[in-house]
Amino acid sequence: MFLVTTDTQLGAVVVAPECADDLDDETRAAIEGAAFTWQSDIEAFTQPGQDRQTAAHMAMRLAQLGHDVLAV
């Protein structure tokens, strides 16, 4: 499962896996290919900005890859 949201404190769109098992090679490539960067301190991918359209697109892509997604 992934959480996809915008975070005003970080000033970023956030894509957070529930656990490391969610990050297979195809999923990681899709997230990084959408210009997200892994942030080890929060164990999530981020992309600067508050673009809800980017968040919605990433949530849809993760669902297409077979993941459950919580988008807020």
C-alpha atoms as a PDB file:
ATOM      1  CA  MET A   1       0.000   0.000   0.000  1.00  0.00           C
ATOM      2  CA  PHE A   2       1.091   3.553  -0.717  1.00  0.00           C
ATOM      3  CA  LEU A   3       0.106   6.906   0.734  1.00  0.00           C
ATOM      4  CA  VAL A   4       0.062   9.693  -1.845  1.00  0.00           C
ATOM      5  CA  THR A   5      -0.509  13.222  -0.586  1.00  0.00           C
ATOM      6  CA  THR A   6       0.654  16.814  -0.632  1.00  0.00           C
ATOM      7  CA  ASP A   7       2.460  17.974   2.493  1.00  0.00           C
ATOM      8  CA  THR A   8       2.506  21.689   3.258  1.00  0.00           C
ATOM      9  CA  GLN A   9       5.298  21.378   5.844  1.00  0.00           C
ATOM     10  CA  LEU A  10       7.572  19.689   3.320  1.00  0.00           C
ATOM     11  CA  GLY A  11       6.254  21.758   0.426  1.00  0.00           C
ATOM     12  CA  ALA A  12       6.086  18.582  -1.616  1.00  0.00           C
ATOM     13  CA  VAL A  13       4.007  15.809  -3.077  1.00  0.00           C
ATOM     14  CA  VAL A  14       4.769  12.676  -1.051  1.00  0.00           C
ATOM     15  CA  VAL A  15       4.611   9.026  -2.105  1.00  0.00           C
ATOM     16  CA  ALA A  16       5.157   6.758   0.894  1.00  0.00           C
ATOM     17  CA  PRO A  17       5.224   2.954   0.780  1.00  0.00           C
ATOM     18  CA  GLU A  18       3.727   1.087   3.724  1.00  0.00           C
ATOM     19  CA  CYS A  19       6.736  -1.252   3.753  1.00  0.00           C
ATOM     20  CA  ALA A  20       9.888  -1.979   1.774  1.00  0.00           C
ATOM     21  CA  ASP A  21       8.217  -4.956   0.070  1.00  0.00           C
ATOM     22  CA  ASP A  22       6.007  -2.503  -1.849  1.00  0.00           C
ATOM     23  CA  LEU A  23       9.050  -1.126  -3.677  1.00  0.00           C
ATOM     24  CA  ASP A  24       9.730  -3.643  -6.415  1.00  0.00           C
ATOM     25  CA  ASP A  25      11.925  -2.568  -9.332  1.00  0.00           C
ATOM     26  CA  GLU A  26       9.008  -1.646 -11.609  1.00  0.00           C
ATOM     27  CA  THR A  27       7.322   0.478  -8.947  1.00  0.00           C
ATOM     28  CA  ARG A  28      10.542   2.261  -7.993  1.00  0.00           C
ATOM     29  CA  ALA A  29      11.239   2.992 -11.671  1.00  0.00           C
ATOM     30  CA  ALA A  30       7.739   4.427 -12.154  1.00  0.00           C
ATOM     31  CA  ILE A  31       8.048   6.714  -9.128  1.00  0.00           C
ATOM     32  CA  GLU A  32      11.570   7.883  -9.937  1.00  0.00           C
ATOM     33  CA  GLY A  33      10.599   8.274 -13.602  1.00  0.00           C
ATOM     34  CA  ALA A  34       7.966  10.793 -12.480  1.00  0.00           C
ATOM     35  CA  ALA A  35      10.760  12.928 -10.934  1.00  0.00           C
ATOM     36  CA  PHE A  36      10.300  11.838  -7.315  1.00  0.00           C
ATOM     37  CA  THR A  37      13.367  11.493  -5.082  1.00  0.00           C
ATOM     38  CA  TRP A  38      13.774   9.086  -2.174  1.00  0.00           C
ATOM     39  CA  GLN A  39      14.097  10.826   1.213  1.00  0.00           C
ATOM     40  CA  SER A  40      15.524   8.313   3.700  1.00  0.00           C
ATOM     41  CA  ASP A  41      14.782  10.519   6.709  1.00  0.00           C
ATOM     42  CA  ILE A  42      11.020  10.220   6.113  1.00  0.00           C
ATOM     43  CA  GLU A  43      11.120   6.912   4.193  1.00  0.00           C
ATOM     44  CA  ALA A  44       9.165   8.349   1.284  1.00  0.00           C
ATOM     45  CA  PHE A  45       9.586   9.808  -2.174  1.00  0.00           C
ATOM     46  CA  THR A  46       9.016  13.535  -2.623  1.00  0.00           C
ATOM     47  CA  GLN A  47       8.646  15.995  -5.442  1.00  0.00           C
ATOM     48  CA  PRO A  48       8.750  19.741  -4.699  1.00  0.00           C
ATOM     49  CA  GLY A  49       5.448  21.598  -4.999  1.00  0.00           C
ATOM     50  CA  GLN A  50       1.829  21.131  -4.016  1.00  0.00           C
ATOM     51  CA  ASP A  51       0.457  19.933  -7.359  1.00  0.00           C
ATOM     52  CA  ARG A  52      -2.618  17.811  -6.659  1.00  0.00           C
ATOM     53  CA  GLN A  53      -2.704  16.738 -10.305  1.00  0.00           C
ATOM     54  CA  THR A  54       0.767  15.208  -9.914  1.00  0.00           C
ATOM     55  CA  ALA A  55      -0.411  13.415  -6.772  1.00  0.00           C
ATOM     56  CA  ALA A  56      -3.511  12.089  -8.559  1.00  0.00           C
ATOM     57  CA  HIS A  57      -1.464  10.922 -11.541  1.00  0.00           C
ATOM     58  CA  MET A  58       1.003   9.093  -9.289  1.00  0.00           C
ATOM     59  CA  ALA A  59      -1.828   7.465  -7.315  1.00  0.00           C
ATOM     60  CA  MET A  60      -3.404   6.264 -10.564  1.00  0.00           C
ATOM     61  CA  ARG A  61      -0.068   4.900 -11.825  1.00  0.00           C
ATOM     62  CA  LEU A  62       0.535   2.990  -8.592  1.00  0.00           C
ATOM     63  CA  ALA A  63      -2.975   1.504  -8.806  1.00  0.00           C
ATOM     64  CA  GLN A  64      -2.263   0.459 -12.407  1.00  0.00           C
ATOM     65  CA  LEU A  65       0.803  -1.380 -11.098  1.00  0.00           C
ATOM     66  CA  GLY A  66      -1.462  -3.329  -8.746  1.00  0.00           C
ATOM     67  CA  HIS A  67      -0.875  -1.446  -5.503  1.00  0.00           C
ATOM     68  CA  ASP A  68      -3.512  -0.314  -3.027  1.00  0.00           C
ATOM     69  CA  VAL A  69      -3.345   3.469  -2.683  1.00  0.00           C
ATOM     70  CA  LEU A  70      -4.574   5.883  -0.054  1.00  0.00           C
ATOM     71  CA  ALA A  71      -4.669   9.352  -1.607  1.00  0.00           C
ATOM     72  CA  VAL A  72      -5.431  12.379   0.563  1.00  0.00           C
END
